[in-house]
């Protein structure tokens, strides 16, 4: 299956430079069907042409973003340019704590497609 997801410019650029290996999302209705080997095309927010094709190589589920962040090294998300606390604050700009409690969260391990 092939999915499309928008990605904030700063995180899009990290993925483009291979400095981001894991995408963090709510495990909501849009993500429940993700499977290993599925493709995700990330589209830079505000752009119609900036796209990165990736393949899912792993999925791991957590109750909260905090629990997820404690399970990985920071550089797997942001290449160490912000703290875990700052990343957590960033996540809560996109998602509410209520939705986090309702859905849980998913770590999507990615590999860029060559081409």
Protein backbone atom coordinates (compact mmCIF):
# COMPACT_ATOMS: atom_id res chain seq x y z
CA UNK A 1 0.00 0.00 0.00
CA UNK A 2 1.18 3.56 -0.66
CA UNK A 3 0.34 6.42 1.71
CA UNK A 4 0.94 10.16 1.51
CA UNK A 5 1.70 12.26 4.59
CA UNK A 6 2.49 15.92 4.97
CA UNK A 7 5.64 16.81 6.87
CA UNK A 8 6.73 20.11 8.41
CA UNK A 9 9.63 21.75 6.52
CA UNK A 10 12.22 21.27 9.28
CA UNK A 11 11.45 17.55 9.65
CA UNK A 12 11.16 17.11 5.88
CA UNK A 13 14.70 18.48 5.48
CA UNK A 14 16.03 16.11 8.17
CA UNK A 15 14.46 13.16 6.36
CA UNK A 16 15.85 14.40 3.05
CA UNK A 17 19.39 14.50 4.53
CA UNK A 18 18.98 11.00 6.08
CA UNK A 19 19.16 12.54 9.55
CA UNK A 20 15.68 11.31 10.49
CA UNK A 21 15.04 7.57 10.56
CA UNK A 22 11.81 7.44 12.57
CA UNK A 23 8.56 9.31 11.99
CA UNK A 24 6.35 9.85 15.04
CA UNK A 25 2.57 9.96 14.57
CA UNK A 26 -0.64 9.36 16.45
CA UNK A 27 -1.84 5.82 15.91
CA UNK A 28 -5.12 7.22 14.64
CA UNK A 29 -7.47 6.02 11.90
CA UNK A 30 -5.00 7.14 9.21
CA UNK A 31 -2.12 5.08 10.68
CA UNK A 32 -3.91 1.94 11.94
CA UNK A 33 -3.47 0.12 8.62
CA UNK A 34 0.27 0.78 8.17
CA UNK A 35 2.33 -2.34 7.62
CA UNK A 36 6.02 -3.12 7.19
CA UNK A 37 7.00 -2.78 3.51
CA UNK A 38 4.25 -0.21 2.83
CA UNK A 39 5.44 2.97 1.12
CA UNK A 40 4.98 6.48 2.48
CA UNK A 41 5.44 9.50 0.26
CA UNK A 42 6.18 12.51 2.44
CA UNK A 43 5.16 15.86 1.01
CA UNK A 44 6.73 19.01 2.39
CA UNK A 45 4.00 21.12 3.94
CA UNK A 46 3.23 24.08 1.68
CA UNK A 47 4.93 22.51 -1.35
CA UNK A 48 3.38 20.67 -4.26
CA UNK A 49 6.64 19.29 -5.64
CA UNK A 50 8.92 18.43 -2.68
CA UNK A 51 8.41 14.72 -2.06
CA UNK A 52 10.39 11.91 -0.45
CA UNK A 53 9.53 8.27 -1.05
CA UNK A 54 10.15 5.93 1.87
CA UNK A 55 9.48 2.33 2.86
CA UNK A 56 8.35 1.23 6.31
CA UNK A 57 10.92 -1.11 7.84
CA UNK A 58 9.48 -1.23 11.35
CA UNK A 59 6.55 -0.17 13.51
CA UNK A 60 6.43 0.14 17.28
CA UNK A 61 3.44 1.25 19.34
CA UNK A 62 3.35 3.24 22.59
CA UNK A 63 0.77 4.83 24.89
CA UNK A 64 2.41 8.28 24.88
CA UNK A 65 4.92 10.37 22.97
CA UNK A 66 7.03 10.59 26.13
CA UNK A 67 7.21 6.79 26.39
CA UNK A 68 8.16 6.58 22.71
CA UNK A 69 10.91 9.20 23.05
CA UNK A 70 12.41 7.38 26.03
CA UNK A 71 12.74 4.21 23.95
CA UNK A 72 15.02 5.67 21.24
CA UNK A 73 18.07 7.85 20.84
CA UNK A 74 17.19 11.45 20.05
CA UNK A 75 19.28 11.47 16.86
CA UNK A 76 16.93 8.91 15.31
CA UNK A 77 14.30 11.68 15.17
CA UNK A 78 16.11 14.99 14.92
CA UNK A 79 19.86 14.37 14.73
CA UNK A 80 20.40 15.84 18.19
CA UNK A 81 19.62 19.45 17.28
CA UNK A 82 16.90 19.85 19.94
CA UNK A 83 16.22 18.25 23.30
CA UNK A 84 13.63 15.55 23.92
CA UNK A 85 11.58 18.11 25.84
CA UNK A 86 11.60 20.49 22.86
CA UNK A 87 10.62 17.66 20.51
CA UNK A 88 7.79 16.71 22.84
CA UNK A 89 6.58 20.34 22.85
CA UNK A 90 6.72 20.31 19.04
CA UNK A 91 4.60 17.14 18.93
CA UNK A 92 1.94 18.76 21.12
CA UNK A 93 1.70 21.60 18.59
CA UNK A 94 0.38 19.02 16.10
CA UNK A 95 -1.55 16.68 18.42
CA UNK A 96 -3.56 17.17 21.61
CA UNK A 97 -2.92 15.16 24.76
CA UNK A 98 -6.52 13.97 24.58
CA UNK A 99 -5.99 12.48 21.09
CA UNK A 100 -2.72 10.96 22.35
CA UNK A 101 -4.64 9.23 25.18
CA UNK A 102 -7.39 8.06 22.79
CA UNK A 103 -5.17 6.71 20.02
CA UNK A 104 -1.72 5.99 21.38
CA UNK A 105 1.29 6.71 19.19
CA UNK A 106 3.39 4.89 16.63
CA UNK A 107 7.08 5.01 15.76
CA UNK A 108 7.44 4.43 12.02
CA UNK A 109 10.93 3.27 11.10
CA UNK A 110 11.76 4.43 7.58
CA UNK A 111 14.18 3.77 4.79
CA UNK A 112 14.39 6.18 1.88
CA UNK A 113 13.67 4.66 -1.51
CA UNK A 114 16.46 5.10 -4.01
CA UNK A 115 15.64 6.74 -7.25
